[in-house]
Amino acid sequence: MAIKIIPQHRLQGRKPRRKMITQALQDPIKWDCFQTTLKDNLLSEFPDNIEEHWTKLKTCIIAASEQTIGYQTEKH
């Protein structure tokens, strides 16, 4: 009796998650730049719906990190 295992494939609709360069935040200049960008992007008014609030907060943090530290290009 032979058992065959079929390898699982990644779903084509999803993209793999990209990693940020978190080591760049060790630099005080990059840290201050990230903090000021995050403060500028944060909303002063909060929506009533909690789901909408979290999605706006998430996009704000991601946008600030894209502008200041960027994504990793190496895989090692």
N, C-alpha and C. Protein backbone atom coordinates (compact mmCIF):
# COMPACT_ATOMS: atom_id res chain seq x y z
N MET A 1 0.84 -1.16 0.00
CA MET A 1 0.00 0.00 0.00
C MET A 1 0.90 1.24 0.00
N ALA A 2 0.80 2.03 -1.03
CA ALA A 2 1.62 3.23 -1.15
C ALA A 2 0.74 4.45 -0.91
N ILE A 3 1.26 5.37 -0.11
CA ILE A 3 0.54 6.60 0.17
C ILE A 3 1.23 7.73 -0.58
N LYS A 4 0.46 8.43 -1.36
CA LYS A 4 1.02 9.56 -2.10
C LYS A 4 0.60 10.85 -1.42
N ILE A 5 1.58 11.71 -1.22
CA ILE A 5 1.32 13.01 -0.61
C ILE A 5 1.45 14.07 -1.69
N ILE A 6 0.40 14.80 -1.88
CA ILE A 6 0.40 15.85 -2.89
C ILE A 6 0.88 17.14 -2.24
N PRO A 7 1.89 17.80 -2.84
CA PRO A 7 2.36 19.07 -2.25
C PRO A 7 1.30 20.15 -2.35
N GLN A 8 1.22 20.95 -1.30
CA GLN A 8 0.24 22.02 -1.29
C GLN A 8 0.81 23.22 -2.02
N HIS A 9 -0.01 23.84 -2.82
CA HIS A 9 0.40 25.01 -3.57
C HIS A 9 -0.21 26.27 -2.95
N ARG A 10 0.49 27.36 -3.14
CA ARG A 10 -0.01 28.65 -2.64
C ARG A 10 -1.21 29.06 -3.48
N LEU A 11 -2.22 29.60 -2.82
CA LEU A 11 -3.38 30.08 -3.55
C LEU A 11 -2.98 31.24 -4.45
N GLN A 12 -3.44 31.25 -5.65
CA GLN A 12 -2.99 32.25 -6.62
C GLN A 12 -3.55 33.64 -6.34
N GLY A 13 -4.61 33.74 -5.58
CA GLY A 13 -5.20 35.04 -5.30
C GLY A 13 -4.43 35.84 -4.27
N ARG A 14 -3.63 35.19 -3.44
CA ARG A 14 -2.91 35.87 -2.37
C ARG A 14 -1.46 36.09 -2.75
N LYS A 15 -0.91 37.19 -2.28
CA LYS A 15 0.51 37.45 -2.46
C LYS A 15 1.21 37.19 -1.14
N PRO A 16 2.45 36.75 -1.19
CA PRO A 16 3.17 36.54 0.08
C PRO A 16 3.42 37.88 0.77
N ARG A 17 3.42 37.85 2.08
CA ARG A 17 3.62 39.06 2.87
C ARG A 17 5.05 39.56 2.74
N ARG A 18 5.20 40.85 2.50
CA ARG A 18 6.53 41.45 2.39
C ARG A 18 6.96 41.95 3.76
N LYS A 19 8.23 41.78 4.06
CA LYS A 19 8.75 42.17 5.37
C LYS A 19 9.36 43.56 5.30
N MET A 20 9.21 44.29 6.38
CA MET A 20 9.80 45.62 6.50
C MET A 20 11.22 45.50 7.05
N ILE A 21 12.01 46.52 6.81
CA ILE A 21 13.36 46.57 7.36
C ILE A 21 13.26 47.14 8.77
N THR A 22 12.99 46.29 9.72
CA THR A 22 12.80 46.75 11.10
C THR A 22 14.12 47.11 11.76
N GLN A 23 15.23 46.60 11.25
CA GLN A 23 16.54 46.94 11.81
C GLN A 23 16.87 48.40 11.57
N ALA A 24 16.24 49.03 10.58
CA ALA A 24 16.51 50.44 10.29
C ALA A 24 16.00 51.33 11.43
N LEU A 25 15.05 50.85 12.22
CA LEU A 25 14.53 51.65 13.33
C LEU A 25 15.50 51.73 14.50
N GLN A 26 16.59 50.97 14.46
CA GLN A 26 17.61 51.09 15.50
C GLN A 26 18.36 52.42 15.38
N ASP A 27 18.37 52.98 14.17
CA ASP A 27 19.01 54.27 13.94
C ASP A 27 18.11 55.37 14.48
N PRO A 28 18.61 56.26 15.35
CA PRO A 28 17.75 57.30 15.94
C PRO A 28 17.18 58.28 14.91
N ILE A 29 17.90 58.53 13.84
CA ILE A 29 17.41 59.45 12.80
C ILE A 29 16.21 58.85 12.09
N LYS A 30 16.31 57.56 11.73
CA LYS A 30 15.18 56.87 11.08
C LYS A 30 14.00 56.75 12.03
N TRP A 31 14.28 56.53 13.32
CA TRP A 31 13.21 56.41 14.31
C TRP A 31 12.43 57.72 14.43
N ASP A 32 13.15 58.84 14.49
CA ASP A 32 12.49 60.14 14.59
C ASP A 32 11.70 60.45 13.33
N CYS A 33 12.25 60.10 12.18
CA CYS A 33 11.54 60.32 10.92
C CYS A 33 10.27 59.49 10.86
N PHE A 34 10.35 58.23 11.33
CA PHE A 34 9.18 57.36 11.36
C PHE A 34 8.11 57.92 12.30
N GLN A 35 8.53 58.40 13.47
CA GLN A 35 7.58 58.95 14.44
C GLN A 35 6.87 60.19 13.90
N THR A 36 7.61 61.09 13.26
CA THR A 36 6.97 62.30 12.72
C THR A 36 6.04 61.97 11.57
N THR A 37 6.42 61.02 10.72
CA THR A 37 5.55 60.61 9.62
C THR A 37 4.28 59.95 10.15
N LEU A 38 4.42 59.16 11.19
CA LEU A 38 3.26 58.49 11.78
C LEU A 38 2.33 59.51 12.43
N LYS A 39 2.88 60.50 13.12
CA LYS A 39 2.05 61.53 13.75
C LYS A 39 1.31 62.36 12.70
N ASP A 40 1.97 62.62 11.58
CA ASP A 40 1.33 63.40 10.52
C ASP A 40 0.19 62.63 9.86
N ASN A 41 0.33 61.31 9.75
CA ASN A 41 -0.67 60.49 9.07
C ASN A 41 -1.84 60.09 9.96
N LEU A 42 -1.68 60.15 11.28
CA LEU A 42 -2.75 59.71 12.18
C LEU A 42 -3.97 60.63 12.07
N LEU A 43 -5.11 60.02 12.23
CA LEU A 43 -6.37 60.75 12.14
C LEU A 43 -6.67 61.48 13.44
N SER A 44 -7.24 62.65 13.33
CA SER A 44 -7.65 63.36 14.53
C SER A 44 -9.06 62.96 14.94
N GLU A 45 -9.87 62.54 13.97
CA GLU A 45 -11.23 62.09 14.26
C GLU A 45 -11.28 60.57 14.12
N PHE A 46 -12.02 59.94 15.01
CA PHE A 46 -12.12 58.49 14.99
C PHE A 46 -13.52 58.09 14.54
N PRO A 47 -13.61 57.12 13.61
CA PRO A 47 -14.93 56.65 13.18
C PRO A 47 -15.63 55.86 14.28
N ASP A 48 -16.94 55.77 14.19
CA ASP A 48 -17.72 55.05 15.19
C ASP A 48 -17.54 53.54 15.09
N ASN A 49 -17.37 53.05 13.87
CA ASN A 49 -17.22 51.62 13.66
C ASN A 49 -15.80 51.20 14.02
N ILE A 50 -15.65 50.20 14.88
CA ILE A 50 -14.33 49.77 15.35
C ILE A 50 -13.53 49.12 14.23
N GLU A 51 -14.18 48.37 13.34
CA GLU A 51 -13.48 47.73 12.24
C GLU A 51 -12.88 48.76 11.29
N GLU A 52 -13.64 49.79 11.01
CA GLU A 52 -13.17 50.87 10.15
C GLU A 52 -12.00 51.61 10.81
N HIS A 53 -12.09 51.78 12.11
CA HIS A 53 -11.02 52.45 12.85
C HIS A 53 -9.71 51.65 12.77
N TRP A 54 -9.79 50.33 12.97
CA TRP A 54 -8.60 49.50 12.92
C TRP A 54 -8.00 49.45 11.53
N THR A 55 -8.82 49.40 10.50
CA THR A 55 -8.28 49.35 9.14
C THR A 55 -7.60 50.67 8.79
N LYS A 56 -8.15 51.80 9.23
CA LYS A 56 -7.50 53.08 8.97
C LYS A 56 -6.19 53.20 9.75
N LEU A 57 -6.17 52.70 10.98
CA LEU A 57 -4.94 52.73 11.77
C LEU A 57 -3.87 51.84 11.14
N LYS A 58 -4.28 50.68 10.66
CA LYS A 58 -3.35 49.75 10.01
C LYS A 58 -2.76 50.36 8.75
N THR A 59 -3.59 50.96 7.91
CA THR A 59 -3.08 51.57 6.68
C THR A 59 -2.19 52.76 6.97
N CYS A 60 -2.46 53.48 8.05
CA CYS A 60 -1.63 54.60 8.45
C CYS A 60 -0.24 54.13 8.86
N ILE A 61 -0.17 53.06 9.64
CA ILE A 61 1.11 52.53 10.09
C ILE A 61 1.90 51.96 8.92
N ILE A 62 1.23 51.25 8.03
CA ILE A 62 1.90 50.67 6.87
C ILE A 62 2.42 51.76 5.94
N ALA A 63 1.64 52.81 5.73
CA ALA A 63 2.08 53.90 4.86
C ALA A 63 3.29 54.62 5.46
N ALA A 64 3.29 54.84 6.76
CA ALA A 64 4.42 55.51 7.40
C ALA A 64 5.68 54.65 7.33
N SER A 65 5.54 53.34 7.49
CA SER A 65 6.71 52.47 7.42
C SER A 65 7.22 52.33 5.99
N GLU A 66 6.32 52.36 5.00
CA GLU A 66 6.76 52.31 3.61
C GLU A 66 7.55 53.56 3.25
N GLN A 67 7.11 54.71 3.75
CA GLN A 67 7.78 55.97 3.42
C GLN A 67 9.14 56.09 4.08
N THR A 68 9.28 55.57 5.29
CA THR A 68 10.52 55.82 6.03
C THR A 68 11.51 54.66 5.97
N ILE A 69 11.07 53.42 6.25
CA ILE A 69 12.05 52.32 6.33
C ILE A 69 12.03 51.43 5.11
N GLY A 70 10.92 51.21 4.47
CA GLY A 70 10.86 50.41 3.24
C GLY A 70 10.80 48.91 3.49
N TYR A 71 10.83 48.16 2.38
CA TYR A 71 10.74 46.71 2.42
C TYR A 71 12.11 46.07 2.27
N GLN A 72 12.23 44.83 2.74
CA GLN A 72 13.47 44.07 2.60
C GLN A 72 13.61 43.62 1.14
N THR A 73 14.82 43.64 0.64
CA THR A 73 15.06 43.14 -0.71
C THR A 73 15.81 41.82 -0.69
N GLU A 74 16.58 41.56 0.36
CA GLU A 74 17.31 40.31 0.49
C GLU A 74 16.46 39.28 1.20
N LYS A 75 16.73 38.02 0.92
CA LYS A 75 15.99 36.95 1.58
C LYS A 75 16.85 36.20 2.58
N HIS A 76 18.11 36.58 2.71
CA HIS A 76 19.01 35.86 3.62
C HIS A 76 19.29 36.69 4.83
